[in-house]
PDB file of N, CA and C in Angstrom:
ATOM      1  N   MET A   1     102.713  81.233  40.955  1.00  0.00           N
ATOM      2  CA  MET A   1     103.877  80.447  40.626  1.00  0.00           C
ATOM      3  C   MET A   1     103.649  79.034  41.162  1.00  0.00           C
ATOM      4  N   GLU A   2     103.970  78.065  40.368  1.00  0.00           N
ATOM      5  CA  GLU A   2     103.780  76.674  40.743  1.00  0.00           C
ATOM      6  C   GLU A   2     105.072  76.115  41.354  1.00  0.00           C
ATOM      7  N   ILE A   3     104.929  75.309  42.395  1.00  0.00           N
ATOM      8  CA  ILE A   3     106.071  74.636  42.994  1.00  0.00           C
ATOM      9  C   ILE A   3     106.282  73.333  42.234  1.00  0.00           C
ATOM     10  N   LEU A   4     107.416  73.197  41.551  1.00  0.00           N
ATOM     11  CA  LEU A   4     107.670  72.041  40.697  1.00  0.00           C
ATOM     12  C   LEU A   4     108.351  70.890  41.410  1.00  0.00           C
ATOM     13  N   LYS A   5     109.192  71.204  42.406  1.00  0.00           N
ATOM     14  CA  LYS A   5     109.939  70.164  43.113  1.00  0.00           C
ATOM     15  C   LYS A   5     110.244  70.661  44.520  1.00  0.00           C
ATOM     16  N   PRO A   6     110.581  69.754  45.435  1.00  0.00           N
ATOM     17  CA  PRO A   6     110.950  70.186  46.786  1.00  0.00           C
ATOM     18  C   PRO A   6     112.226  71.027  46.757  1.00  0.00           C
ATOM     19  N   ALA A   7     112.290  71.998  47.656  1.00  0.00           N
ATOM     20  CA  ALA A   7     113.477  72.844  47.762  1.00  0.00           C
ATOM     21  C   ALA A   7     113.600  73.367  49.183  1.00  0.00           C
ATOM     22  N   VAL A   8     114.834  73.697  49.567  1.00  0.00           N
ATOM     23  CA  VAL A   8     115.134  74.171  50.920  1.00  0.00           C
ATOM     24  C   VAL A   8     115.992  75.425  50.830  1.00  0.00           C
ATOM     25  N   ALA A   9     115.781  76.338  51.782  1.00  0.00           N
ATOM     26  CA  ALA A   9     116.633  77.515  51.923  1.00  0.00           C
ATOM     27  C   ALA A   9     116.817  77.792  53.405  1.00  0.00           C
ATOM     28  N   GLY A  10     118.016  78.213  53.772  1.00  0.00           N
ATOM     29  CA  GLY A  10     118.282  78.575  55.160  1.00  0.00           C
ATOM     30  C   GLY A  10     119.064  77.528  55.911  1.00  0.00           C
ATOM     31  N   THR A  11     119.286  77.830  57.201  1.00  0.00           N
ATOM     32  CA  THR A  11     120.049  76.941  58.071  1.00  0.00           C
ATOM     33  C   THR A  11     119.330  76.781  59.404  1.00  0.00           C
ATOM     34  N   LEU A  12     119.883  75.949  60.244  1.00  0.00           N
ATOM     35  CA  LEU A  12     119.344  75.767  61.591  1.00  0.00           C
ATOM     36  C   LEU A  12     120.186  76.505  62.630  1.00  0.00           C
ATOM     37  N   GLU A  13     120.942  77.479  62.170  1.00  0.00           N
ATOM     38  CA  GLU A  13     121.751  78.296  63.070  1.00  0.00           C
ATOM     39  C   GLU A  13     120.861  79.292  63.827  1.00  0.00           C
ATOM     40  N   SER A  14     121.352  79.778  64.930  1.00  0.00           N
ATOM     41  CA  SER A  14     120.637  80.788  65.700  1.00  0.00           C
ATOM     42  C   SER A  14     120.373  82.021  64.834  1.00  0.00           C
ATOM     43  N   SER A  15     119.207  82.613  64.974  1.00  0.00           N
ATOM     44  CA  SER A  15     118.777  83.805  64.237  1.00  0.00           C
ATOM     45  C   SER A  15     118.538  83.550  62.756  1.00  0.00           C
ATOM     46  N   ASP A  16     118.296  82.302  62.375  1.00  0.00           N
ATOM     47  CA  ASP A  16     118.000  81.946  60.993  1.00  0.00           C
ATOM     48  C   ASP A  16     116.749  81.071  60.975  1.00  0.00           C
ATOM     49  N   ALA A  17     116.368  80.645  59.801  1.00  0.00           N
ATOM     50  CA  ALA A  17     115.237  79.733  59.634  1.00  0.00           C
ATOM     51  C   ALA A  17     115.514  78.835  58.444  1.00  0.00           C
ATOM     52  N   MET A  18     115.058  77.601  58.524  1.00  0.00           N
ATOM     53  CA  MET A  18     115.136  76.685  57.391  1.00  0.00           C
ATOM     54  C   MET A  18     113.724  76.538  56.837  1.00  0.00           C
ATOM     55  N   VAL A  19     113.567  76.894  55.574  1.00  0.00           N
ATOM     56  CA  VAL A  19     112.263  76.846  54.914  1.00  0.00           C
ATOM     57  C   VAL A  19     112.294  75.769  53.838  1.00  0.00           C
ATOM     58  N   THR A  20     111.330  74.867  53.899  1.00  0.00           N
ATOM     59  CA  THR A  20     111.197  73.809  52.906  1.00  0.00           C
ATOM     60  C   THR A  20     109.866  73.986  52.186  1.00  0.00           C
ATOM     61  N   VAL A  21     109.879  73.950  50.859  1.00  0.00           N
ATOM     62  CA  VAL A  21     108.640  73.976  50.083  1.00  0.00           C
ATOM     63  C   VAL A  21     108.558  72.696  49.265  1.00  0.00           C
ATOM     64  N   GLU A  22     107.337  72.182  49.156  1.00  0.00           N
ATOM     65  CA  GLU A  22     107.091  70.965  48.396  1.00  0.00           C
ATOM     66  C   GLU A  22     105.816  71.151  47.585  1.00  0.00           C
ATOM     67  N   PRO A  23     105.732  70.500  46.433  1.00  0.00           N
ATOM     68  CA  PRO A  23     104.514  70.609  45.632  1.00  0.00           C
ATOM     69  C   PRO A  23     103.335  69.892  46.298  1.00  0.00           C
ATOM     70  N   THR A  24     102.149  70.429  46.087  1.00  0.00           N
ATOM     71  CA  THR A  24     100.907  69.823  46.550  1.00  0.00           C
ATOM     72  C   THR A  24      99.763  70.398  45.721  1.00  0.00           C
ATOM     73  N   ASP A  25      98.632  69.742  45.763  1.00  0.00           N
ATOM     74  CA  ASP A  25      97.434  70.245  45.071  1.00  0.00           C
ATOM     75  C   ASP A  25      96.366  70.666  46.056  1.00  0.00           C
ATOM     76  N   ASN A  26      96.733  70.817  47.334  1.00  0.00           N
ATOM     77  CA  ASN A  26      95.756  71.076  48.396  1.00  0.00           C
ATOM     78  C   ASN A  26      95.825  72.485  48.950  1.00  0.00           C
ATOM     79  N   GLY A  27      96.150  73.464  48.138  1.00  0.00           N
ATOM     80  CA  GLY A  27      96.283  74.825  48.644  1.00  0.00           C
ATOM     81  C   GLY A  27      97.602  74.977  49.386  1.00  0.00           C
ATOM     82  N   ILE A  28      97.617  75.881  50.363  1.00  0.00           N
ATOM     83  CA  ILE A  28      98.815  76.104  51.163  1.00  0.00           C
ATOM     84  C   ILE A  28      98.703  75.297  52.452  1.00  0.00           C
ATOM     85  N   GLU A  29      99.662  74.406  52.649  1.00  0.00           N
ATOM     86  CA  GLU A  29      99.775  73.651  53.903  1.00  0.00           C
ATOM     87  C   GLU A  29     100.968  74.222  54.649  1.00  0.00           C
ATOM     88  N   PHE A  30     100.740  74.731  55.859  1.00  0.00           N
ATOM     89  CA  PHE A  30     101.787  75.429  56.611  1.00  0.00           C
ATOM     90  C   PHE A  30     102.107  74.680  57.894  1.00  0.00           C
ATOM     91  N   GLU A  31     103.399  74.475  58.143  1.00  0.00           N
ATOM     92  CA  GLU A  31     103.853  73.837  59.383  1.00  0.00           C
ATOM     93  C   GLU A  31     104.975  74.683  59.961  1.00  0.00           C
ATOM     94  N   LEU A  32     104.911  74.942  61.260  1.00  0.00           N
ATOM     95  CA  LEU A  32     105.915  75.784  61.920  1.00  0.00           C
ATOM     96  C   LEU A  32     106.466  75.085  63.150  1.00  0.00           C
ATOM     97  N   ASN A  33     107.784  75.074  63.234  1.00  0.00           N
ATOM     98  CA  ASN A  33     108.489  74.620  64.423  1.00  0.00           C
ATOM     99  C   ASN A  33     109.411  75.768  64.793  1.00  0.00           C
ATOM    100  N   SER A  34     109.179  76.369  65.951  1.00  0.00           N
ATOM    101  CA  SER A  34     109.936  77.563  66.307  1.00  0.00           C
ATOM    102  C   SER A  34     110.262  77.591  67.794  1.00  0.00           C
ATOM    103  N   THR A  35     111.433  78.128  68.108  1.00  0.00           N
ATOM    104  CA  THR A  35     111.810  78.315  69.502  1.00  0.00           C
ATOM    105  C   THR A  35     111.030  79.454  70.145  1.00  0.00           C
ATOM    106  N   VAL A  36     110.405  80.288  69.321  1.00  0.00           N
ATOM    107  CA  VAL A  36     109.636  81.435  69.829  1.00  0.00           C
ATOM    108  C   VAL A  36     108.180  81.382  69.343  1.00  0.00           C
ATOM    109  N   ILE A  37     107.650  80.175  69.167  1.00  0.00           N
ATOM    110  CA  ILE A  37     106.319  80.017  68.587  1.00  0.00           C
ATOM    111  C   ILE A  37     105.235  80.703  69.423  1.00  0.00           C
ATOM    112  N   HIS A  38     105.370  80.674  70.730  1.00  0.00           N
ATOM    113  CA  HIS A  38     104.335  81.271  71.577  1.00  0.00           C
ATOM    114  C   HIS A  38     104.338  82.795  71.505  1.00  0.00           C
ATOM    115  N   GLN A  39     105.501  83.378  71.299  1.00  0.00           N
ATOM    116  CA  GLN A  39     105.592  84.835  71.210  1.00  0.00           C
ATOM    117  C   GLN A  39     105.338  85.336  69.792  1.00  0.00           C
ATOM    118  N   TYR A  40     105.849  84.630  68.776  1.00  0.00           N
ATOM    119  CA  TYR A  40     105.857  85.161  67.416  1.00  0.00           C
ATOM    120  C   TYR A  40     105.262  84.236  66.351  1.00  0.00           C
ATOM    121  N   GLY A  41     104.647  83.149  66.748  1.00  0.00           N
ATOM    122  CA  GLY A  41     104.111  82.190  65.783  1.00  0.00           C
ATOM    123  C   GLY A  41     103.145  82.796  64.780  1.00  0.00           C
ATOM    124  N   ASN A  42     102.224  83.624  65.248  1.00  0.00           N
ATOM    125  CA  ASN A  42     101.252  84.252  64.338  1.00  0.00           C
ATOM    126  C   ASN A  42     101.935  85.211  63.363  1.00  0.00           C
ATOM    127  N   GLU A  43     102.925  85.941  63.844  1.00  0.00           N
ATOM    128  CA  GLU A  43     103.655  86.882  62.986  1.00  0.00           C
ATOM    129  C   GLU A  43     104.479  86.126  61.940  1.00  0.00           C
ATOM    130  N   ILE A  44     105.105  85.032  62.340  1.00  0.00           N
ATOM    131  CA  ILE A  44     105.879  84.221  61.393  1.00  0.00           C
ATOM    132  C   ILE A  44     104.963  83.702  60.292  1.00  0.00           C
ATOM    133  N   LYS A  45     103.816  83.176  60.675  1.00  0.00           N
ATOM    134  CA  LYS A  45     102.870  82.661  59.682  1.00  0.00           C
ATOM    135  C   LYS A  45     102.403  83.779  58.753  1.00  0.00           C
ATOM    136  N   ARG A  46     102.119  84.949  59.304  1.00  0.00           N
ATOM    137  CA  ARG A  46     101.664  86.078  58.487  1.00  0.00           C
ATOM    138  C   ARG A  46     102.718  86.460  57.452  1.00  0.00           C
ATOM    139  N   ILE A  47     103.966  86.542  57.874  1.00  0.00           N
ATOM    140  CA  ILE A  47     105.061  86.909  56.971  1.00  0.00           C
ATOM    141  C   ILE A  47     105.212  85.872  55.863  1.00  0.00           C
ATOM    142  N   VAL A  48     105.186  84.594  56.217  1.00  0.00           N
ATOM    143  CA  VAL A  48     105.348  83.526  55.225  1.00  0.00           C
ATOM    144  C   VAL A  48     104.193  83.538  54.229  1.00  0.00           C
ATOM    145  N   MET A  49     102.966  83.636  54.726  1.00  0.00           N
ATOM    146  CA  MET A  49     101.800  83.612  53.845  1.00  0.00           C
ATOM    147  C   MET A  49     101.765  84.845  52.945  1.00  0.00           C
ATOM    148  N   GLU A  50     102.136  85.990  53.483  1.00  0.00           N
ATOM    149  CA  GLU A  50     102.186  87.223  52.685  1.00  0.00           C
ATOM    150  C   GLU A  50     103.225  87.097  51.566  1.00  0.00           C
ATOM    151  N   THR A  51     104.363  86.522  51.872  1.00  0.00           N
ATOM    152  CA  THR A  51     105.418  86.341  50.868  1.00  0.00           C
ATOM    153  C   THR A  51     104.978  85.366  49.784  1.00  0.00           C
ATOM    154  N   LEU A  52     104.335  84.267  50.179  1.00  0.00           N
ATOM    155  CA  LEU A  52     103.809  83.318  49.190  1.00  0.00           C
ATOM    156  C   LEU A  52     102.770  83.990  48.299  1.00  0.00           C
ATOM    157  N   ASP A  53     101.927  84.815  48.893  1.00  0.00           N
ATOM    158  CA  ASP A  53     100.912  85.532  48.121  1.00  0.00           C
ATOM    159  C   ASP A  53     101.557  86.477  47.111  1.00  0.00           C
ATOM    160  N   ARG A  54     102.585  87.200  47.523  1.00  0.00           N
ATOM    161  CA  ARG A  54     103.294  88.112  46.615  1.00  0.00           C
ATOM    162  C   ARG A  54     103.975  87.378  45.473  1.00  0.00           C
ATOM    163  N   LEU A  55     104.354  86.116  45.713  1.00  0.00           N
ATOM    164  CA  LEU A  55     104.973  85.304  44.671  1.00  0.00           C
ATOM    165  C   LEU A  55     103.930  84.530  43.861  1.00  0.00           C
ATOM    166  N   SER A  56     102.658  84.722  44.172  1.00  0.00           N
ATOM    167  CA  SER A  56     101.541  84.037  43.501  1.00  0.00           C
ATOM    168  C   SER A  56     101.610  82.522  43.645  1.00  0.00           C
ATOM    169  N   VAL A  57     102.045  82.062  44.806  1.00  0.00           N
ATOM    170  CA  VAL A  57     102.061  80.626  45.107  1.00  0.00           C
ATOM    171  C   VAL A  57     100.719  80.277  45.743  1.00  0.00           C
ATOM    172  N   THR A  58      99.986  79.374  45.112  1.00  0.00           N
ATOM    173  CA  THR A  58      98.663  79.004  45.631  1.00  0.00           C
ATOM    174  C   THR A  58      98.600  77.566  46.128  1.00  0.00           C
ATOM    175  N   ASN A  59      99.539  76.730  45.720  1.00  0.00           N
ATOM    176  CA  ASN A  59      99.593  75.336  46.155  1.00  0.00           C
ATOM    177  C   ASN A  59     101.015  75.003  46.576  1.00  0.00           C
ATOM    178  N   ALA A  60     101.198  74.726  47.861  1.00  0.00           N
ATOM    179  CA  ALA A  60     102.523  74.350  48.353  1.00  0.00           C
ATOM    180  C   ALA A  60     102.401  73.855  49.784  1.00  0.00           C
ATOM    181  N   LYS A  61     103.254  72.906  50.112  1.00  0.00           N
ATOM    182  CA  LYS A  61     103.437  72.535  51.512  1.00  0.00           C
ATOM    183  C   LYS A  61     104.691  73.256  51.954  1.00  0.00           C
ATOM    184  N   ILE A  62     104.580  74.079  52.982  1.00  0.00           N
ATOM    185  CA  ILE A  62     105.724  74.858  53.445  1.00  0.00           C
ATOM    186  C   ILE A  62     105.974  74.552  54.916  1.00  0.00           C
ATOM    187  N   THR A  63     107.212  74.213  55.192  1.00  0.00           N
ATOM    188  CA  THR A  63     107.627  73.903  56.559  1.00  0.00           C
ATOM    189  C   THR A  63     108.708  74.891  56.958  1.00  0.00           C
ATOM    190  N   VAL A  64     108.512  75.528  58.108  1.00  0.00           N
ATOM    191  CA  VAL A  64     109.469  76.504  58.611  1.00  0.00           C
ATOM    192  C   VAL A  64     110.002  76.004  59.949  1.00  0.00           C
ATOM    193  N   VAL A  65     111.313  75.868  60.031  1.00  0.00           N
ATOM    194  CA  VAL A  65     111.978  75.578  61.299  1.00  0.00           C
ATOM    195  C   VAL A  65     112.723  76.862  61.660  1.00  0.00           C
ATOM    196  N   ASP A  66     112.156  77.602  62.600  1.00  0.00           N
ATOM    197  CA  ASP A  66     112.650  78.932  62.943  1.00  0.00           C
ATOM    198  C   ASP A  66     113.528  78.881  64.181  1.00  0.00           C
ATOM    199  N   LYS A  67     114.623  79.596  64.123  1.00  0.00           N
ATOM    200  CA  LYS A  67     115.540  79.713  65.259  1.00  0.00           C
ATOM    201  C   LYS A  67     115.712  81.176  65.655  1.00  0.00           C
ATOM    202  N   GLY A  68     114.620  81.944  65.558  1.00  0.00           N
ATOM    203  CA  GLY A  68     114.659  83.349  65.950  1.00  0.00           C
ATOM    204  C   GLY A  68     114.993  84.295  64.817  1.00  0.00           C
ATOM    205  N   ALA A  69     114.613  83.935  63.592  1.00  0.00           N
ATOM    206  CA  ALA A  69     114.920  84.770  62.421  1.00  0.00           C
ATOM    207  C   ALA A  69     114.100  86.058  62.422  1.00  0.00           C
ATOM    208  N   LEU A  70     114.696  87.110  61.922  1.00  0.00           N
ATOM    209  CA  LEU A  70     113.983  88.369  61.722  1.00  0.00           C
ATOM    210  C   LEU A  70     113.033  88.230  60.536  1.00  0.00           C
ATOM    211  N   ASN A  71     112.057  89.134  60.436  1.00  0.00           N
ATOM    212  CA  ASN A  71     111.083  89.089  59.341  1.00  0.00           C
ATOM    213  C   ASN A  71     111.757  89.136  57.967  1.00  0.00           C
ATOM    214  N   CYS A  72     112.776  89.974  57.812  1.00  0.00           N
ATOM    215  CA  CYS A  72     113.453  90.078  56.517  1.00  0.00           C
ATOM    216  C   CYS A  72     114.142  88.766  56.151  1.00  0.00           C
ATOM    217  N   THR A  73     114.646  88.058  57.143  1.00  0.00           N
ATOM    218  CA  THR A  73     115.281  86.764  56.894  1.00  0.00           C
ATOM    219  C   THR A  73     114.240  85.741  56.476  1.00  0.00           C
ATOM    220  N   LEU A  74     113.094  85.726  57.149  1.00  0.00           N
ATOM    221  CA  LEU A  74     112.015  84.805  56.780  1.00  0.00           C
ATOM    222  C   LEU A  74     111.574  85.030  55.333  1.00  0.00           C
ATOM    223  N   LYS A  75     111.385  86.292  54.969  1.00  0.00           N
ATOM    224  CA  LYS A  75     110.981  86.610  53.594  1.00  0.00           C
ATOM    225  C   LYS A  75     112.021  86.111  52.588  1.00  0.00           C
ATOM    226  N   ALA A  76     113.277  86.371  52.870  1.00  0.00           N
ATOM    227  CA  ALA A  76     114.345  85.953  51.961  1.00  0.00           C
ATOM    228  C   ALA A  76     114.408  84.440  51.832  1.00  0.00           C
ATOM    229  N   ARG A  77     114.224  83.726  52.929  1.00  0.00           N
ATOM    230  CA  ARG A  77     114.265  82.260  52.893  1.00  0.00           C
ATOM    231  C   ARG A  77     113.098  81.693  52.098  1.00  0.00           C
ATOM    232  N   VAL A  78     111.907  82.262  52.267  1.00  0.00           N
ATOM    233  CA  VAL A  78     110.742  81.794  51.508  1.00  0.00           C
ATOM    234  C   VAL A  78     110.948  82.065  50.021  1.00  0.00           C
ATOM    235  N   GLU A  79     111.373  83.280  49.680  1.00  0.00           N
ATOM    236  CA  GLU A  79     111.623  83.616  48.272  1.00  0.00           C
ATOM    237  C   GLU A  79     112.636  82.659  47.661  1.00  0.00           C
ATOM    238  N   CYS A  80     113.741  82.441  48.347  1.00  0.00           N
ATOM    239  CA  CYS A  80     114.812  81.585  47.820  1.00  0.00           C
ATOM    240  C   CYS A  80     114.316  80.152  47.620  1.00  0.00           C
ATOM    241  N   ALA A  81     113.591  79.604  48.584  1.00  0.00           N
ATOM    242  CA  ALA A  81     113.080  78.236  48.458  1.00  0.00           C
ATOM    243  C   ALA A  81     112.121  78.114  47.278  1.00  0.00           C
ATOM    244  N   VAL A  82     111.260  79.105  47.093  1.00  0.00           N
ATOM    245  CA  VAL A  82     110.305  79.079  45.973  1.00  0.00           C
ATOM    246  C   VAL A  82     111.051  79.156  44.638  1.00  0.00           C
ATOM    247  N   PHE A  83     112.029  80.042  44.535  1.00  0.00           N
ATOM    248  CA  PHE A  83     112.800  80.141  43.291  1.00  0.00           C
ATOM    249  C   PHE A  83     113.560  78.850  43.009  1.00  0.00           C
ATOM    250  N   ARG A  84     114.140  78.248  44.033  1.00  0.00           N
ATOM    251  CA  ARG A  84     114.842  76.973  43.847  1.00  0.00           C
ATOM    252  C   ARG A  84     113.885  75.866  43.420  1.00  0.00           C
ATOM    253  N   ALA A  85     112.673  75.886  43.946  1.00  0.00           N
ATOM    254  CA  ALA A  85     111.683  74.869  43.600  1.00  0.00           C
ATOM    255  C   ALA A  85     111.246  74.968  42.145  1.00  0.00           C
ATOM    256  N   ASN A  86     111.537  76.087  41.520  1.00  0.00           N
ATOM    257  CA  ASN A  86     111.183  76.310  40.118  1.00  0.00           C
ATOM    258  C   ASN A  86     112.405  76.404  39.220  1.00  0.00           C
ATOM    259  N   ASP A  87     113.571  76.068  39.739  1.00  0.00           N
ATOM    260  CA  ASP A  87     114.823  76.164  38.981  1.00  0.00           C
ATOM    261  C   ASP A  87     115.034  77.552  38.375  1.00  0.00           C
ATOM    262  N   GLN A  88     114.520  78.563  39.034  1.00  0.00           N
ATOM    263  CA  GLN A  88     114.703  79.928  38.554  1.00  0.00           C
ATOM    264  C   GLN A  88     116.041  80.434  39.084  1.00  0.00           C
ATOM    265  N   LYS A  89     116.994  80.630  38.173  1.00  0.00           N
ATOM    266  CA  LYS A  89     118.348  81.012  38.559  1.00  0.00           C
ATOM    267  C   LYS A  89     118.782  82.343  37.961  1.00  0.00           C
ATOM    268  N   GLU A  90     118.007  82.857  37.024  1.00  0.00           N
ATOM    269  CA  GLU A  90     118.358  84.118  36.376  1.00  0.00           C
ATOM    270  C   GLU A  90     117.219  85.111  36.526  1.00  0.00           C
ATOM    271  N   ASN A  91     117.563  86.385  36.447  1.00  0.00           N
ATOM    272  CA  ASN A  91     116.584  87.470  36.535  1.00  0.00           C
ATOM    273  C   ASN A  91     115.746  87.382  37.808  1.00  0.00           C
ATOM    274  N   LEU A  92     116.405  87.094  38.917  1.00  0.00           N
ATOM    275  CA  LEU A  92     115.713  87.015  40.195  1.00  0.00           C
ATOM    276  C   LEU A  92     115.396  88.417  40.703  1.00  0.00           C
ATOM    277  N   PRO A  93     114.176  88.648  41.149  1.00  0.00           N
ATOM    278  CA  PRO A  93     113.782  89.993  41.606  1.00  0.00           C
ATOM    279  C   PRO A  93     114.179  90.250  43.052  1.00  0.00           C
ATOM    280  N   TRP A  94     115.486  90.235  43.354  1.00  0.00           N
ATOM    281  CA  TRP A  94     115.943  90.490  44.724  1.00  0.00           C
ATOM    282  C   TRP A  94     115.877  91.966  45.052  1.00  0.00           C
ATOM    283  N   GLY A  95     116.086  92.254  46.286  1.00  0.00           N
ATOM    284  CA  GLY A  95     116.227  93.640  46.721  1.00  0.00           C
ATOM    285  C   GLY A  95     114.929  94.398  46.822  1.00  0.00           C
ATOM    286  N   GLY A  96     113.872  93.742  47.228  1.00  0.00           N
ATOM    287  CA  GLY A  96     112.603  94.425  47.433  1.00  0.00           C
ATOM    288  C   GLY A  96     111.772  94.585  46.187  1.00  0.00           C
ATOM    289  N   ALA A  97     112.153  93.941  45.096  1.00  0.00           N
ATOM    290  CA  ALA A  97     111.379  94.040  43.851  1.00  0.00           C
ATOM    291  C   ALA A  97     110.052  93.313  43.958  1.00  0.00           C
ATOM    292  N   ILE A  98     109.959  92.344  44.859  1.00  0.00           N
ATOM    293  CA  ILE A  98     108.703  91.621  45.048  1.00  0.00           C
ATOM    294  C   ILE A  98     107.828  92.435  45.986  1.00  0.00           C
ATOM    295  N   ARG A  99     106.689  92.826  45.518  1.00  0.00           N
ATOM    296  CA  ARG A  99     105.787  93.662  46.333  1.00  0.00           C
ATOM    297  C   ARG A  99     104.523  92.899  46.645  1.00  0.00           C
TER     298      ARG A  99
END
C-alpha cells in the first residue's frame, strides 16, 4: 500500500500513542519517542514494522510518540494512520482481519 499524504492517528494521552505517517521514496524511516523507550523500544518498533508489513507498506516515514500504549493500541494507531493516508474510508478490515 502506498502512502499518498501525511496522516495522524492517536493522542498524547497516557496509555496511548500518536502515530504519524508521511510519504517517502526511501523505504521505511522509523522514529520513536517514548516514555518507556529503554524498556520497550525494540518491542514497539517490532509491532509497528510488523503492522506496516501486513499492510504491504514499503515506503513511509513513520513517527511514533508513545505514552505507554499497549501492543493492540499501537497496531490500531498504525492501521488507522495508513488508511487515513490513503483516504480509505470504506470496507476497512478492522477486527483482526489484517494478518
